[in-house]
Structures are given as structure tokens and as C-alpha cells.
Amino acid sequence: MTPAVPIAACASVATWREGLRKHWGGDPLAEEPERLEALADFCAFVGEGPDSIVERCFRVRKADGARVLSAKGRAHYAEKIQAFRALDPARGARRAAAVLSFLIHNGVFIQA
């Protein structure tokens, strides 16, 4: 899958970058480009762009129309992250941590 826009230009990646900047200072995605590379590889692995991944982790509650986390979406990506991690035994944990960081900074809490 080739995203229509560069991964770094996606809104969810900007949210991640800003969250990291507030937490660590500087520009962690520029200072550690392997984080962004891991996310790009994960997106290719699941065949979706970063904004789509975040969006699929939420649903609209029928009762009141509120946007809430989706247990089904979170479970789906928890499984995908585990499979992604297993692809690279040497670096898998660090690469999976980058994907989890991306999700956390976008309001999606997953334990994978």
C-alpha cells in the first residue's frame, strides 16, 4: 500500500510528533527516524495508513453519538502488533513499542 500523502504528513503522525515533543522535548521523530520507519513498516504490514488505523480504533456510540474507543478495533491491532513484532526478533520489541507509542499519543491504549 502506498499512502496518498507521505506518512509524516498524516494528521495522526503530527499528533504523535507533538505528543512526543511535549513529553521529551526536541523532535523525537527526527532524532530517531527508526520510530517513523517502524510505523511506516507497520502500515505496510496491515495495508492501511496511520490515520485509518487510528480511526478504526474508535466507533460512534449509538445511544448518544459519542466517539468512543472500539474494543474490537483495539483487539484487532493488538494482534497485528504482536504479529509485526514477531517478524523481527532482534528489533521487534522496539519497533512494536514505536507503533504503540503512536497509538497512545492518538488516544488509543493497547496492551500488546
Protein backbone atom coordinates (compact mmCIF):
# COMPACT_ATOMS: atom_id res chain seq x y z
CA MET A 1 0.00 0.00 0.00
CA THR A 2 1.33 3.40 -0.93
CA PRO A 3 -0.33 6.22 1.00
CA ALA A 4 -1.69 9.18 -0.97
CA VAL A 5 0.38 11.52 1.21
CA PRO A 6 3.75 10.95 2.85
CA ILE A 7 3.34 9.25 6.22
CA ALA A 8 4.95 12.19 8.04
CA ALA A 9 2.22 14.49 6.66
CA CYS A 10 -0.66 12.49 8.17
CA ALA A 11 -2.67 14.19 10.92
CA SER A 12 -2.23 11.27 13.31
CA VAL A 13 1.56 11.38 12.83
CA ALA A 14 1.51 15.12 13.58
CA THR A 15 -0.42 14.36 16.78
CA TRP A 16 2.19 11.73 17.69
CA ARG A 17 5.06 14.09 16.93
CA GLU A 18 3.53 16.84 19.09
CA GLY A 19 2.89 14.43 21.96
CA LEU A 20 6.46 13.20 21.87
CA ARG A 21 7.74 16.77 21.65
CA LYS A 22 5.75 17.77 24.75
CA HIS A 23 6.93 14.71 26.65
CA TRP A 24 10.60 14.57 25.59
CA GLY A 25 11.36 17.95 24.00
CA GLY A 26 13.03 18.41 20.66
CA ASP A 27 11.72 16.40 17.73
CA PRO A 28 11.98 12.71 18.64
CA LEU A 29 10.77 11.55 15.21
CA ALA A 30 13.58 13.48 13.52
CA GLU A 31 16.13 12.46 16.14
CA GLU A 32 15.09 8.79 15.99
CA PRO A 33 13.84 8.22 12.43
CA GLU A 34 13.54 4.50 13.12
CA ARG A 35 10.31 5.28 15.01
CA LEU A 36 8.68 6.68 11.89
CA GLU A 37 10.20 3.87 9.83
CA ALA A 38 8.64 1.31 12.18
CA LEU A 39 5.24 2.96 11.82
CA ALA A 40 5.58 3.06 8.02
CA ASP A 41 6.51 -0.64 8.01
CA PHE A 42 3.56 -1.45 10.27
CA CYS A 43 1.21 0.48 7.97
CA ALA A 44 2.53 -1.53 5.02
CA PHE A 45 2.14 -4.73 7.06
CA VAL A 46 -1.56 -4.06 7.76
CA GLY A 47 -2.24 -2.33 4.43
CA GLU A 48 -3.56 0.88 5.96
CA GLY A 49 -2.40 4.43 6.52
CA PRO A 50 -1.83 5.84 10.02
CA ASP A 51 -4.99 7.97 10.04
CA SER A 52 -7.08 4.95 9.02
CA ILE A 53 -5.56 2.83 11.80
CA VAL A 54 -6.43 5.40 14.43
CA GLU A 55 -9.93 5.88 13.05
CA ARG A 56 -10.63 2.13 13.12
CA CYS A 57 -9.82 2.12 16.84
CA PHE A 58 -12.87 4.30 17.51
CA ARG A 59 -16.59 3.90 16.92
CA VAL A 60 -19.65 6.07 17.30
CA ARG A 61 -21.83 5.02 20.22
CA LYS A 62 -25.41 4.55 19.02
CA ALA A 63 -27.00 5.76 22.25
CA ASP A 64 -25.62 9.28 22.12
CA GLY A 65 -23.43 9.61 19.02
CA ALA A 66 -20.25 9.99 21.08
CA ARG A 67 -16.92 8.87 19.62
CA VAL A 68 -15.56 6.13 21.88
CA LEU A 69 -12.79 3.54 21.75
CA SER A 70 -13.68 0.34 19.95
CA ALA A 71 -12.79 -2.85 21.82
CA LYS A 72 -12.95 -4.75 18.53
CA GLY A 73 -10.60 -2.30 16.78
CA ARG A 74 -8.16 -2.29 19.66
CA ALA A 75 -8.12 -6.11 19.79
CA HIS A 76 -7.54 -6.26 16.03
CA TYR A 77 -4.49 -4.01 16.20
CA ALA A 78 -3.14 -5.67 19.36
CA GLU A 79 -3.00 -8.92 17.36
CA LYS A 80 -1.42 -7.17 14.37
CA ILE A 81 1.22 -5.55 16.57
CA GLN A 82 2.13 -8.94 18.06
CA ALA A 83 2.48 -10.42 14.57
CA PHE A 84 4.53 -7.41 13.43
CA ARG A 85 6.79 -7.77 16.46
CA ALA A 86 7.42 -11.43 15.65
CA LEU A 87 8.69 -10.56 12.14
CA ASP A 88 11.97 -9.20 13.51
CA PRO A 89 13.14 -11.00 16.66
CA ALA A 90 16.13 -8.67 17.10
CA ARG A 91 14.30 -5.34 16.78
CA GLY A 92 10.66 -6.38 17.06
CA ALA A 93 10.07 -5.18 20.61
CA ARG A 94 11.44 -1.70 19.87
CA ARG A 95 9.51 -1.45 16.60
CA ALA A 96 6.28 -2.58 18.27
CA ALA A 97 6.89 -0.02 21.02
CA ALA A 98 7.06 2.73 18.38
CA VAL A 99 3.68 1.64 16.98
CA LEU A 100 2.19 1.52 20.48
CA SER A 101 3.58 5.00 21.18
CA PHE A 102 1.91 6.25 18.01
CA LEU A 103 -1.42 4.80 19.10
CA ILE A 104 -1.15 6.04 22.68
CA HIS A 105 -0.46 9.61 21.56
CA ASN A 106 -3.56 9.35 19.39
CA GLY A 107 -5.74 8.32 22.33
CA VAL A 108 -5.70 4.57 21.73
CA PHE A 109 -4.44 2.49 24.64
CA ILE A 110 -3.44 -1.04 23.66
CA GLN A 111 -1.53 -3.65 25.60
CA ALA A 112 0.16 -5.84 23.06
